[in-house]
Each structure stands twice: as structure tokens, then as C-alpha cells.
């Protein structure tokens, strides 16, 4: 290369230096312009340029011809020219060979996930109960059930009033009957009549041994029946409280009981996150209403026993978090495949299908193990085998938000996959915490129920603290919540009536 850049040339005959532009040696009259260009060098240059498109097919020949051409030109003592062509051919072949090698390794994907989740991994029951899903879908909101004389706008206005009052009930520590004005009573009666068909569906399903959720594996599935579930819960709670106000406690318990039983049975196979949250919402509202009954001195002990027979402790299989996560993973995978098939986006430089699914699967398995209180023992490798594990494993958050060097490297390796996972996969931590909080709330409720019925109980806590706390002066039973500090916003608590439950500071000390 240095010789190529020099401005002088050596005469092969007399060995003296003369300007490169000279055609004739002034000392011995050797003709410079008559030198032939080495064909090896020329072909090296041509093959070197073409290796940009043909990669190794022409890069190796260009490299061999270039080296051969340099040696040949040197051996002929100036009879041939073309060193520049040979050198450029060698440089082009090496650069393009390295470029294509880098592109090849960049485009490598991992192997598919062996035995990946399928619909067979979802919880199910005997096919004889498939009819319950058909009934469940009948809860979808429809204006067909409205009386002809009732306008849709007035119905929506009534529902607005009902929801506002219901939300105010849920935000208070103790139910109050101050909301039951004559006007509100009329609204409750009207909505109850309009919603009775949906309530009867819930009542019918609550009598089934099993209820199955067969929601299709589609991100755009219809979830209108979940709205119907929430409507039934809302009006049933208000109507039950209206019966309590009128002195018919047994009727109130019988109204709310089918809704609670329905949610418990449905939660065992619930697939979608929305349906699971709806079931947990029913648990929450029903337990708070039942707790109100237990602490009401006017309610007979017979009615409390009847209530307790339905509100038994919630079981592990009634919190189908793992089922929900597996369903969400399958739906995400199907949605990703649809995007690729629809848009023809199959460039492995930008998107690595298998690596994307492996990273997503690792994330879902992590949440599943957390929900099951198990330790994650195995992660799927998201890097190709030819990388020889030079780069350590990467977490989903790192790949999406580039929190570490490994995350940055992965976002470069699989930019399309990182972007998709960042847009689609939510953080399930708050959802799992919400489920855990409701389990703690049920524990508190079971303690209150045992106190009212005079049964033995334990204050041992399942989470957040060693024991639950009965605070007689504040008339509360509570857990300090995730932060472990009492009397903060994340406390989980139920109001109690110490006089009805036979509690005093001394009795609590004796229990401890």
C-alpha cells in the first residue's frame, strides 16, 4: 500500500528513481508505459467489490487472487503493474467478509421453546359444563331486556346513581344507610327489576358444581359479560342493603350469597385478567358486606351460621393467577404471530421470533412462580447457541428499558422483539399483590366470623407480618400491608364491633 502511494518509480533496468508520471527512463530509455496490468490483481479487485453482494462466494477468491497477484507482480521485477488493484481487492474482501459474518451472527435466532404452553395447560373441567360458559356469555349487557316504556337514557342515568352510591359504600370502613333516601330506594327497585334476568343467570350458575371459562385465545375477545357480572354485583349489594334497612336480613344474605358462590366457582377456571379481577372484586365487596352482617347485633346467630356455611375460607384454586398468566402468554404469542403473518414482517435482523418468545416466557414463568410461591429454577436461553454464552442472561425489564449493558446488547440484537414486548407485556406485580391482599382480607374475615360464632381462631398472618392485629380501641382488625407499617394507606382492614364480638383489650391479651 505504501508503494502504491509513493510518487516515484524504480526503473527495473537501471534501478534509478524517477517520477511516477514518467513514460521513459532518461538514463536507459526503458519504456514504463508498456507494462502489462496483472490479471490476477484485476480479478481480485472485481471479486472484492462483488463480495458486498455475494459474500463468501467471491470474498475468498478475491483474497486468494489478491495475495497471489502481489507475489506475482513482485516476482516479475516491474514487468507487471496492478498492485493497487490487488491491495484493494484484498481490503474489500476482508471488510465485506467481516461485514457478512457479523450480519450472519446478528441474524441468528434461538431454537423454538420445547413443549411450550398450549390450551391443554389451562385449567378446565368436564366438557359437560361447557354449557355454563354459554350461560355466562348471556350476561353481556343488552338493551333488549329494557321495558319498552323505559328509555335507554333514563336507564343509564339510574345506573350512574347506583354506581356512585356503590362506590361510596366501597370507600367507607362501615356501611351506612344514609344513602337510602326514598328517591334512591326507587332507583334501586327499578334497576333490580331490569337486572333480575341477569341475576337469575348468576343464581342458576351458582348452583352448578363447576363453571368453566372458555374465553377464546384472542386479544380482541368480547368481555361484555364481565360488565354484566359487575352490574349484578352492584345492584345485588344495594338491594341486599335495602332489605337489611327494611329488617329482612335473611333475605339480604340470600341475595348476596349466590353472587359470591358464583364468583368462587368461576374463579377456578377464569382465564383473562379482566375476569379474574372481576371475581376478586366480587370477593372484596361480598366479604365487606358479610362482615357488616356479622358485626350487626340485630342479626341472629342462626343467620350468621347460615352466612358462615357459604363464606368458608377461600382456597388456593380459587385464585387462578397461574391459569391467567398462561392464558395471557398464549394470547400474546398468537397476537405476535398474527402481526407477523399480516404484515409480512419476517426480517430476522430486526425480529427474532424464538428469542422474543423465550424472553416473554421467562417473564411469565417468573410471575407464575411468584404466584405459586415457588422458586424459578430454569430460564430459557435467549441467545443463540453459537454465542457460546459469552453474554449472560438478560431480564425483560433490562431488554425493554435498557437498564443494563446486557439490556442494551439485547435491544440491538433483537430490536423488534424488545419493542413488541415493551408495548404488550404489562407488569403483573400489582395484580398479584391485589390477589394477595384479598387473601389476607379473607383471613381477617374468617377471624371475625369465628369470634362471632365463638369458634377458636389464630392471628397468624399469611403475609406482610407475623400476626394480624385486633385493635379494640379503633374497632379494627388489620394487617399492616406490604410496607409492614400500621395505619398507612396500604393497610388491609375490616371494621369490627367489639361489643358484638365479645372483645376487650384484656381478652386480646389473654389470646396472645
Protein backbone atom coordinates (compact mmCIF):
# COMPACT_ATOMS: atom_id res chain seq x y z
CA UNK A 1 0.00 0.00 0.00
CA UNK A 2 2.92 2.29 0.79
CA UNK A 3 4.42 1.59 -2.65
CA UNK A 4 1.14 2.42 -4.24
CA UNK A 5 1.16 5.87 -2.59
CA UNK A 6 4.74 6.73 -3.49
CA UNK A 7 5.32 9.46 -6.15
CA UNK A 8 8.45 7.88 -7.65
CA UNK A 9 9.09 4.67 -9.54
CA UNK A 10 12.21 2.49 -9.81
CA UNK A 11 13.45 1.68 -13.29
CA UNK A 12 13.59 -2.17 -13.47
CA UNK A 13 16.60 -1.91 -15.80
CA UNK A 14 18.97 0.65 -14.24
CA UNK A 15 17.35 0.70 -10.73
CA UNK A 16 17.22 4.51 -10.55
CA UNK A 17 14.32 6.54 -9.17
CA UNK A 18 12.22 8.69 -11.49
CA UNK A 19 8.81 10.42 -11.23
CA UNK A 20 5.91 8.03 -11.43
CA UNK A 21 4.38 10.06 -14.25
CA UNK A 22 7.39 9.44 -16.47
CA UNK A 23 6.87 7.18 -19.52
CA UNK A 24 10.56 6.75 -20.37
CA UNK A 25 13.68 6.22 -18.20
CA UNK A 26 16.06 9.15 -19.08
CA UNK A 27 19.17 7.04 -18.39
CA UNK A 28 18.50 3.75 -20.16
CA UNK A 29 15.41 4.62 -22.25
CA UNK A 30 13.29 1.85 -20.62
CA UNK A 31 9.65 2.35 -21.62
CA UNK A 32 7.44 2.47 -18.48
CA UNK A 33 4.02 2.74 -20.15
CA UNK A 34 4.39 -0.57 -21.85
CA UNK A 35 3.98 -2.61 -18.62
CA UNK A 36 1.02 -5.01 -18.59
CA UNK A 37 -1.60 -4.94 -15.78
CA UNK A 38 -1.64 -8.17 -13.82
CA UNK A 39 -4.90 -10.02 -14.48
CA UNK A 40 -4.78 -11.67 -11.06
CA UNK A 41 -4.90 -8.23 -9.44
CA UNK A 42 -7.76 -7.09 -11.68
CA UNK A 43 -9.89 -10.14 -10.89
CA UNK A 44 -9.10 -9.74 -7.18
CA UNK A 45 -10.48 -6.19 -7.39
CA UNK A 46 -13.63 -7.32 -9.25
CA UNK A 47 -14.30 -10.23 -6.89
CA UNK A 48 -13.60 -8.00 -3.87
CA UNK A 49 -16.25 -5.48 -4.94
CA UNK A 50 -18.79 -8.19 -5.75
CA UNK A 51 -18.32 -9.77 -2.31
CA UNK A 52 -20.54 -6.98 -0.94
CA UNK A 53 -23.43 -8.81 -2.62
CA UNK A 54 -22.12 -12.37 -2.89
CA UNK A 55 -20.30 -12.58 0.44
CA UNK A 56 -18.06 -15.62 0.85
CA UNK A 57 -18.67 -16.84 -2.72
CA UNK A 58 -16.40 -14.11 -4.09
CA UNK A 59 -14.63 -12.83 -0.95
CA UNK A 60 -12.37 -15.89 -0.59
CA UNK A 61 -11.38 -15.92 -4.31
CA UNK A 62 -10.69 -12.17 -4.12
CA UNK A 63 -8.42 -12.66 -1.12
CA UNK A 64 -6.52 -15.54 -2.74
CA UNK A 65 -6.18 -13.80 -6.11
CA UNK A 66 -5.06 -10.56 -4.48
CA UNK A 67 -2.28 -12.21 -2.47
CA UNK A 68 -1.26 -14.31 -5.47
CA UNK A 69 -1.25 -11.22 -7.69
CA UNK A 70 1.02 -9.27 -5.31
CA UNK A 71 3.53 -12.08 -5.20
CA UNK A 72 3.38 -12.47 -8.97
CA UNK A 73 3.93 -8.74 -9.64
CA UNK A 74 6.83 -8.69 -7.18
CA UNK A 75 8.44 -11.76 -8.73
CA UNK A 76 8.42 -10.23 -12.22
CA UNK A 77 10.57 -7.29 -11.18
CA UNK A 78 8.41 -4.50 -12.60
CA UNK A 79 7.15 -6.19 -15.76
CA UNK A 80 3.57 -6.05 -14.50
CA UNK A 81 1.57 -3.37 -12.75
CA UNK A 82 -1.68 -3.57 -10.74
CA UNK A 83 -0.59 -3.65 -7.11
CA UNK A 84 -3.31 -1.14 -6.26
CA UNK A 85 -5.98 -3.41 -7.70
CA UNK A 86 -4.67 -6.39 -5.77
CA UNK A 87 -4.46 -4.46 -2.49
CA UNK A 88 -7.98 -3.02 -2.91
CA UNK A 89 -9.32 -6.49 -3.74
CA UNK A 90 -7.76 -7.87 -0.56
CA UNK A 91 -9.13 -5.00 1.57
CA UNK A 92 -12.64 -5.23 0.08
CA UNK A 93 -12.79 -9.00 0.52
CA UNK A 94 -11.74 -8.79 4.19
CA UNK A 95 -14.10 -5.90 5.03
CA UNK A 96 -17.13 -7.42 3.30
CA UNK A 97 -16.36 -10.86 4.70
CA UNK A 98 -16.30 -9.41 8.21
CA UNK A 99 -19.48 -7.46 7.49
CA UNK A 100 -21.38 -10.52 6.27
CA UNK A 101 -20.07 -12.61 9.15
CA UNK A 102 -21.34 -10.01 11.60
CA UNK A 103 -24.72 -9.89 9.83
CA UNK A 104 -24.92 -13.69 9.90
CA UNK A 105 -24.30 -13.86 13.65
CA UNK A 106 -26.70 -10.94 14.21
CA UNK A 107 -29.46 -12.71 12.28
CA UNK A 108 -29.16 -15.95 14.25
CA UNK A 109 -32.22 -16.91 16.29
CA UNK A 110 -32.52 -19.37 19.14
CA UNK A 111 -34.26 -22.71 18.92
CA UNK A 112 -38.04 -22.86 19.49
CA UNK A 113 -39.26 -23.39 23.06
CA UNK A 114 -39.66 -27.13 23.68
CA UNK A 115 -43.13 -28.10 24.93
CA UNK A 116 -44.37 -24.52 25.02
CA UNK A 117 -47.67 -23.69 26.69
CA UNK A 118 -50.83 -24.72 24.83
CA UNK A 119 -54.54 -24.59 25.59
CA UNK A 120 -54.11 -28.01 27.23
CA UNK A 121 -52.17 -26.31 30.05
CA UNK A 122 -55.17 -24.18 31.02
CA UNK A 123 -57.45 -25.26 33.83
CA UNK A 124 -60.61 -26.90 32.64
CA UNK A 125 -63.41 -29.15 33.82
CA UNK A 126 -65.54 -31.88 32.27
CA UNK A 127 -66.98 -30.93 28.89
CA UNK A 128 -70.45 -31.43 30.34
CA UNK A 129 -70.02 -27.99 31.94
CA UNK A 130 -69.28 -26.22 28.65
CA UNK A 131 -72.91 -25.10 28.74
CA UNK A 132 -72.05 -22.89 31.72
CA UNK A 133 -69.87 -20.71 29.50
CA UNK A 134 -72.82 -20.20 27.15
CA UNK A 135 -74.89 -19.08 30.13
CA UNK A 136 -72.05 -16.85 31.27
CA UNK A 137 -71.99 -15.06 27.92
CA UNK A 138 -75.68 -14.27 28.35
CA UNK A 139 -74.64 -11.74 31.00
CA UNK A 140 -73.49 -9.45 28.21
CA UNK A 141 -75.18 -6.09 28.55
CA UNK A 142 -78.12 -5.63 26.20
CA UNK A 143 -80.96 -3.18 25.91
CA UNK A 144 -83.35 -5.96 24.87
CA UNK A 145 -84.35 -6.57 28.48
CA UNK A 146 -85.46 -2.95 28.98
CA UNK A 147 -89.12 -2.23 29.31
CA UNK A 148 -90.50 -0.57 26.18
CA UNK A 149 -91.58 2.42 28.22
CA UNK A 150 -88.12 2.84 29.69
CA UNK A 151 -85.72 4.89 27.64
CA UNK A 152 -82.07 3.99 27.41
CA UNK A 153 -81.03 7.44 28.62
CA UNK A 154 -83.10 7.19 31.80
CA UNK A 155 -81.74 3.70 32.44
CA UNK A 156 -78.16 4.97 32.11
CA UNK A 157 -78.99 7.82 34.48
CA UNK A 158 -80.24 5.32 37.08
CA UNK A 159 -77.10 3.25 36.67
CA UNK A 160 -74.96 6.35 37.17
CA UNK A 161 -76.70 6.97 40.51
CA UNK A 162 -76.34 3.32 41.55
CA UNK A 163 -72.62 3.20 40.73
CA UNK A 164 -71.90 6.45 42.58
CA UNK A 165 -73.62 5.16 45.72
CA UNK A 166 -72.00 1.73 45.42
CA UNK A 167 -68.53 3.26 45.07
CA UNK A 168 -69.16 5.42 48.14
CA UNK A 169 -70.05 2.25 50.06
CA UNK A 170 -66.83 0.55 48.97
CA UNK A 171 -64.75 3.52 50.04
CA UNK A 172 -66.05 3.59 53.59
CA UNK A 173 -64.96 1.44 56.50
CA UNK A 174 -68.54 0.78 57.58
CA UNK A 175 -71.76 0.51 55.62
CA UNK A 176 -74.24 3.27 56.27
CA UNK A 177 -77.90 3.52 55.42
CA UNK A 178 -77.82 7.29 54.98
CA UNK A 179 -77.69 6.83 51.21
CA UNK A 180 -81.08 5.11 51.17
CA UNK A 181 -83.32 8.06 50.55
CA UNK A 182 -86.77 7.48 49.10
CA UNK A 183 -85.50 8.58 45.69
CA UNK A 184 -82.55 6.19 45.82
CA UNK A 185 -84.81 3.36 47.00
CA UNK A 186 -86.95 3.85 43.90
CA UNK A 187 -83.84 3.76 41.67
CA UNK A 188 -82.67 0.52 43.30
CA UNK A 189 -86.08 -1.06 42.83
CA UNK A 190 -86.20 -0.09 39.15
CA UNK A 191 -82.70 -1.34 38.35
CA UNK A 192 -83.32 -4.54 40.32
CA UNK A 193 -86.38 -5.32 38.19
CA UNK A 194 -84.42 -4.60 35.00
CA UNK A 195 -81.44 -6.69 36.10
CA UNK A 196 -83.35 -9.63 37.56
CA UNK A 197 -82.81 -11.75 34.42
CA UNK A 198 -79.04 -11.42 34.77
CA UNK A 199 -79.23 -12.09 38.49
CA UNK A 200 -81.18 -15.28 37.79
CA UNK A 201 -78.40 -16.39 35.40
CA UNK A 202 -75.85 -15.86 38.19
CA UNK A 203 -78.11 -17.69 40.65
CA UNK A 204 -78.51 -20.60 38.22
CA UNK A 205 -74.75 -20.84 37.60
CA UNK A 206 -74.03 -20.72 41.34
CA UNK A 207 -75.97 -23.98 41.68
CA UNK A 208 -73.76 -25.75 39.16
CA UNK A 209 -70.97 -27.90 40.53
CA UNK A 210 -68.47 -26.25 38.19
CA UNK A 211 -68.40 -23.14 35.99
CA UNK A 212 -65.94 -23.06 33.10
CA UNK A 213 -64.42 -20.09 31.32
CA UNK A 214 -63.80 -20.92 27.66
CA UNK A 215 -62.70 -17.46 26.56
CA UNK A 216 -61.11 -17.74 23.08
CA UNK A 217 -57.39 -17.21 22.67
CA UNK A 218 -57.91 -13.84 21.04
CA UNK A 219 -56.71 -10.43 22.20
CA UNK A 220 -59.91 -8.88 20.82
CA UNK A 221 -62.30 -11.25 22.59
CA UNK A 222 -65.66 -9.93 23.77
CA UNK A 223 -65.72 -9.21 27.52
CA UNK A 224 -69.19 -7.70 27.76
CA UNK A 225 -70.32 -10.44 30.15
CA UNK A 226 -67.81 -9.12 32.69
CA UNK A 227 -69.67 -5.82 32.66
CA UNK A 228 -72.84 -7.81 33.30
CA UNK A 229 -71.17 -9.50 36.29
CA UNK A 230 -70.24 -6.15 37.78
CA UNK A 231 -73.76 -4.85 37.27
CA UNK A 232 -75.23 -7.86 39.09
CA UNK A 233 -72.79 -7.37 41.99
CA UNK A 234 -73.58 -3.66 42.21
CA UNK A 235 -77.36 -3.94 42.23
CA UNK A 236 -77.37 -7.10 44.40
CA UNK A 237 -75.31 -5.32 47.08
CA UNK A 238 -77.55 -2.25 47.06
CA UNK A 239 -80.73 -4.36 47.06
CA UNK A 240 -79.41 -6.55 49.89
CA UNK A 241 -78.65 -3.45 51.99
CA UNK A 242 -82.12 -2.15 51.22
CA UNK A 243 -83.54 -5.40 52.64
CA UNK A 244 -81.35 -5.02 55.75
CA UNK A 245 -82.69 -1.49 56.18
CA UNK A 246 -86.21 -2.88 55.99
CA UNK A 247 -85.36 -5.51 58.61
CA UNK A 248 -85.17 -8.59 56.35
CA UNK A 249 -81.60 -9.69 56.99
CA UNK A 250 -82.13 -13.30 55.94
CA UNK A 251 -83.38 -12.14 52.55
CA UNK A 252 -80.33 -9.87 52.20
CA UNK A 253 -77.98 -12.79 52.89
CA UNK A 254 -79.83 -14.97 50.40
CA UNK A 255 -79.49 -12.23 47.75
CA UNK A 256 -75.73 -11.77 48.05
CA UNK A 257 -74.84 -15.44 48.62
CA UNK A 258 -75.37 -16.69 45.01
CA UNK A 259 -73.18 -13.89 43.65
CA UNK A 260 -70.34 -14.85 45.99
CA UNK A 261 -70.67 -18.58 45.27
CA UNK A 262 -70.81 -17.86 41.54
CA UNK A 263 -67.54 -15.89 41.70
CA UNK A 264 -65.80 -18.62 43.73
CA UNK A 265 -66.67 -21.32 41.21
CA UNK A 266 -65.89 -19.18 38.17
CA UNK A 267 -62.53 -18.05 39.57
CA UNK A 268 -61.20 -21.63 39.44
CA UNK A 269 -61.04 -21.61 35.64
CA UNK A 270 -61.04 -17.85 34.91
CA UNK A 271 -58.67 -17.14 32.04
CA UNK A 272 -58.50 -13.43 31.36
CA UNK A 273 -57.02 -10.86 33.70
CA UNK A 274 -60.27 -8.87 33.47
CA UNK A 275 -62.38 -11.82 34.56
CA UNK A 276 -60.02 -12.67 37.40
CA UNK A 277 -60.11 -9.08 38.63
CA UNK A 278 -63.91 -9.10 38.41
CA UNK A 279 -64.07 -12.25 40.56
CA UNK A 280 -61.71 -10.75 43.11
CA UNK A 281 -63.84 -7.60 43.12
CA UNK A 282 -66.87 -9.74 44.00
CA UNK A 283 -64.87 -11.39 46.79
CA UNK A 284 -63.95 -7.96 48.14
CA UNK A 285 -67.45 -6.48 48.10
CA UNK A 286 -69.16 -9.66 49.34
CA UNK A 287 -66.74 -10.10 52.24
CA UNK A 288 -67.15 -6.49 53.33
CA UNK A 289 -70.93 -6.83 53.19
CA UNK A 290 -70.83 -10.15 55.07
CA UNK A 291 -68.53 -8.54 57.65
CA UNK A 292 -71.18 -5.84 58.13
CA UNK A 293 -73.76 -8.56 58.84
CA UNK A 294 -71.50 -10.30 61.35
CA UNK A 295 -70.93 -7.12 63.34
CA UNK A 296 -74.61 -6.18 63.40
CA UNK A 297 -76.09 -7.07 66.77
CA UNK A 298 -79.61 -7.21 65.31
CA UNK A 299 -78.73 -10.18 63.09
CA UNK A 300 -79.46 -13.54 64.74
CA UNK A 301 -76.83 -16.15 65.34
CA UNK A 302 -78.80 -18.53 63.11
CA UNK A 303 -78.38 -16.14 60.20
CA UNK A 304 -74.66 -15.85 60.98
CA UNK A 305 -74.36 -19.66 60.87
CA UNK A 306 -76.16 -19.62 57.51
CA UNK A 307 -73.75 -16.95 56.28
CA UNK A 308 -70.72 -18.87 57.55
CA UNK A 309 -71.76 -22.02 55.68
CA UNK A 310 -71.32 -20.10 52.40
CA UNK A 311 -68.40 -17.84 53.31
CA UNK A 312 -65.93 -20.62 54.08
CA UNK A 313 -62.21 -19.80 53.72
CA UNK A 314 -61.13 -19.13 50.15
CA UNK A 315 -58.98 -21.91 48.69
CA UNK A 316 -55.81 -21.75 46.62
CA UNK A 317 -57.52 -22.98 43.45
CA UNK A 318 -59.95 -20.04 43.68
CA UNK A 319 -57.10 -17.67 42.87
CA UNK A 320 -56.28 -18.80 39.31
CA UNK A 321 -53.30 -16.50 38.82
CA UNK A 322 -51.17 -19.13 37.10
CA UNK A 323 -54.05 -20.03 34.79
CA UNK A 324 -54.48 -16.35 33.92
CA UNK A 325 -50.77 -15.88 33.18
CA UNK A 326 -50.58 -18.96 30.94
CA UNK A 327 -53.65 -17.73 29.05
CA UNK A 328 -52.14 -14.24 28.68
CA UNK A 329 -48.90 -15.73 27.36
CA UNK A 330 -50.69 -17.86 24.74
CA UNK A 331 -52.79 -14.87 23.62
CA UNK A 332 -49.63 -12.73 23.38
CA UNK A 333 -47.91 -15.40 21.30
CA UNK A 334 -50.90 -15.76 18.95
CA UNK A 335 -51.17 -11.99 18.59
CA UNK A 336 -47.47 -11.76 17.71
CA UNK A 337 -47.85 -14.48 15.09
CA UNK A 338 -50.85 -12.65 13.58
CA UNK A 339 -48.85 -9.42 13.31
CA UNK A 340 -46.03 -11.21 11.50
CA UNK A 341 -48.41 -13.05 9.17
CA UNK A 342 -50.49 -9.97 8.38
CA UNK A 343 -47.65 -7.51 7.80
CA UNK A 344 -45.13 -9.94 6.36
CA UNK A 345 -42.62 -8.70 8.91
CA UNK A 346 -40.16 -11.56 8.98
CA UNK A 347 -36.74 -9.89 8.86
CA UNK A 348 -34.53 -11.79 11.28
CA UNK A 349 -32.15 -8.85 11.56
CA UNK A 350 -34.92 -6.87 13.25
CA UNK A 351 -37.10 -9.52 14.85
CA UNK A 352 -36.11 -12.88 16.31
CA UNK A 353 -39.28 -14.87 16.92
CA UNK A 354 -37.91 -17.64 19.13
CA UNK A 355 -35.74 -15.35 21.23
CA UNK A 356 -38.67 -12.97 21.73
CA UNK A 357 -40.93 -15.80 22.92
CA UNK A 358 -38.21 -17.18 25.19
CA UNK A 359 -37.74 -13.81 26.88
CA UNK A 360 -41.51 -13.44 27.26
CA UNK A 361 -41.83 -16.99 28.59
CA UNK A 362 -39.13 -16.33 31.19
CA UNK A 363 -41.07 -13.28 32.34
CA UNK A 364 -44.38 -15.14 32.62
CA UNK A 365 -42.75 -18.11 34.37
CA UNK A 366 -41.27 -15.69 36.90
CA UNK A 367 -44.71 -14.30 37.73
CA UNK A 368 -46.25 -17.79 37.81
CA UNK A 369 -43.62 -18.96 40.31
CA UNK A 370 -44.21 -15.84 42.40
CA UNK A 371 -47.96 -16.52 42.43
CA UNK A 372 -47.32 -20.15 43.44
CA UNK A 373 -44.70 -19.04 45.98
CA UNK A 374 -42.14 -21.22 44.23
CA UNK A 375 -38.58 -20.55 43.18
CA UNK A 376 -37.85 -20.25 39.46
CA UNK A 377 -35.31 -22.97 38.76
CA UNK A 378 -34.83 -22.64 35.00
CA UNK A 379 -34.72 -19.87 32.42
CA UNK A 380 -34.77 -20.33 28.66
CA UNK A 381 -31.61 -19.04 26.98
CA UNK A 382 -32.49 -16.04 24.80
CA UNK A 383 -29.14 -16.00 22.96
CA UNK A 384 -28.21 -18.32 20.03
CA UNK A 385 -26.12 -21.38 20.88
CA UNK A 386 -23.25 -20.13 18.66
CA UNK A 387 -22.77 -17.20 21.05
CA UNK A 388 -21.24 -19.73 23.47
CA UNK A 389 -22.87 -17.98 26.47
CA UNK A 390 -20.43 -15.10 26.17
CA UNK A 391 -23.28 -12.72 27.06
CA UNK A 392 -25.09 -13.51 30.33
CA UNK A 393 -28.87 -13.89 30.59
CA UNK A 394 -30.98 -10.76 30.27
CA UNK A 395 -34.16 -9.81 32.16
CA UNK A 396 -37.24 -8.49 30.38
CA UNK A 397 -37.07 -5.08 32.04
CA UNK A 398 -33.42 -4.75 31.00
CA UNK A 399 -34.25 -5.60 27.39
CA UNK A 400 -37.14 -3.14 27.27
CA UNK A 401 -35.75 -0.23 29.28
CA UNK A 402 -32.01 -0.90 28.66
CA UNK A 403 -31.27 -0.78 32.38
CA UNK A 404 -28.02 -2.74 31.98
CA UNK A 405 -25.33 -3.36 29.38
CA UNK A 406 -26.92 -6.76 28.70
CA UNK A 407 -30.24 -4.99 28.07
CA UNK A 408 -28.63 -2.63 25.56
CA UNK A 409 -26.96 -5.54 23.78
CA UNK A 410 -30.23 -7.44 23.57
CA UNK A 411 -32.13 -4.41 22.22
CA UNK A 412 -29.50 -4.20 19.46
CA UNK A 413 -29.65 -7.94 18.81
CA UNK A 414 -33.47 -8.08 18.75
CA UNK A 415 -34.85 -4.53 18.38
CA UNK A 416 -38.25 -5.61 17.04
CA UNK A 417 -38.80 -8.17 19.79
CA UNK A 418 -37.77 -5.74 22.52
CA UNK A 419 -40.13 -3.08 21.20
CA UNK A 420 -43.06 -5.51 20.96
CA UNK A 421 -42.59 -6.88 24.47
CA UNK A 422 -42.28 -3.35 25.84
CA UNK A 423 -45.61 -2.37 24.28
CA UNK A 424 -47.57 -5.55 25.03
CA UNK A 425 -46.46 -7.21 28.27
CA UNK A 426 -47.66 -5.41 31.40
CA UNK A 427 -46.14 -5.68 34.83
CA UNK A 428 -48.18 -8.26 36.73
CA UNK A 429 -46.75 -7.33 40.13
CA UNK A 430 -49.67 -5.06 41.16
CA UNK A 431 -52.19 -7.69 40.03
CA UNK A 432 -50.56 -10.45 42.06
CA UNK A 433 -50.32 -8.10 45.06
CA UNK A 434 -54.03 -7.33 44.69
CA UNK A 435 -54.81 -11.05 44.78
CA UNK A 436 -52.62 -11.47 47.89
CA UNK A 437 -54.37 -8.58 49.62
CA UNK A 438 -57.77 -10.23 49.09
CA UNK A 439 -56.48 -13.46 50.58
CA UNK A 440 -55.38 -11.52 53.63
CA UNK A 441 -58.78 -9.79 53.77
CA UNK A 442 -60.47 -13.20 53.73
CA UNK A 443 -58.22 -14.30 56.63
CA UNK A 444 -59.36 -11.27 58.61
CA UNK A 445 -62.98 -12.03 57.79
CA UNK A 446 -62.63 -15.65 58.94
CA UNK A 447 -61.25 -14.43 62.28
CA UNK A 448 -64.21 -12.07 62.71
CA UNK A 449 -66.64 -14.86 61.79
CA UNK A 450 -65.01 -17.21 64.31
CA UNK A 451 -65.25 -14.53 67.00
CA UNK A 452 -68.97 -14.08 66.36
CA UNK A 453 -69.62 -17.82 66.39
CA UNK A 454 -67.39 -18.45 69.40
CA UNK A 455 -65.03 -20.71 67.47
CA UNK A 456 -61.25 -20.92 68.02
CA UNK A 457 -59.12 -18.75 65.74
CA UNK A 458 -55.50 -17.90 65.02
CA UNK A 459 -53.98 -14.48 64.34
CA UNK A 460 -51.03 -15.97 62.44
CA UNK A 461 -50.60 -13.98 59.23
CA UNK A 462 -50.00 -15.39 55.75
CA UNK A 463 -48.12 -12.26 54.56
CA UNK A 464 -46.80 -8.82 55.46
CA UNK A 465 -46.43 -9.52 59.21
CA UNK A 466 -46.17 -12.34 61.73
CA UNK A 467 -49.67 -11.79 63.11
CA UNK A 468 -52.84 -9.91 62.31
CA UNK A 469 -53.83 -7.23 64.79
CA UNK A 470 -57.16 -6.75 66.56
CA UNK A 471 -57.31 -3.11 67.64
CA UNK A 472 -60.24 -2.85 70.05
CA UNK A 473 -59.99 0.96 70.69
CA UNK A 474 -60.02 1.68 66.94
CA UNK A 475 -62.58 -1.08 66.29
CA UNK A 476 -60.46 -2.66 63.58
CA UNK A 477 -58.81 -5.91 62.65
CA UNK A 478 -55.98 -5.29 60.23
CA UNK A 479 -52.78 -6.30 58.51
CA UNK A 480 -50.07 -3.62 58.03
CA UNK A 481 -49.94 -4.42 54.30
CA UNK A 482 -46.91 -4.64 52.01
CA UNK A 483 -45.00 -1.79 53.69
CA UNK A 484 -45.21 -3.54 57.09
CA UNK A 485 -46.19 -0.29 58.81
CA UNK A 486 -49.57 0.06 60.55
CA UNK A 487 -52.00 2.91 59.85
CA UNK A 488 -50.74 3.68 56.36
CA UNK A 489 -52.60 3.73 53.06
CA UNK A 490 -51.80 0.14 52.17
CA UNK A 491 -53.26 -1.35 55.37
CA UNK A 492 -55.74 -4.19 54.85
CA UNK A 493 -58.52 -3.87 57.40
CA UNK A 494 -62.07 -4.68 58.37
CA UNK A 495 -64.22 -2.75 60.86
CA UNK A 496 -65.40 -4.69 63.91
CA UNK A 497 -67.92 -4.19 66.70
CA UNK A 498 -66.07 -5.31 69.85
CA UNK A 499 -69.28 -5.46 71.89
CA UNK A 500 -70.96 -7.82 69.43
CA UNK A 501 -67.81 -9.96 69.11
CA UNK A 502 -67.20 -10.01 72.87
CA UNK A 503 -63.82 -8.35 72.59
CA UNK A 504 -61.86 -6.27 75.05
CA UNK A 505 -58.22 -5.36 75.46
CA UNK A 506 -57.94 -7.96 78.19
CA UNK A 507 -59.40 -10.72 76.03
CA UNK A 508 -56.94 -9.94 73.24
CA UNK A 509 -54.00 -10.01 75.66
CA UNK A 510 -55.16 -13.36 77.00
CA UNK A 511 -55.39 -14.73 73.45
CA UNK A 512 -51.87 -13.58 72.69
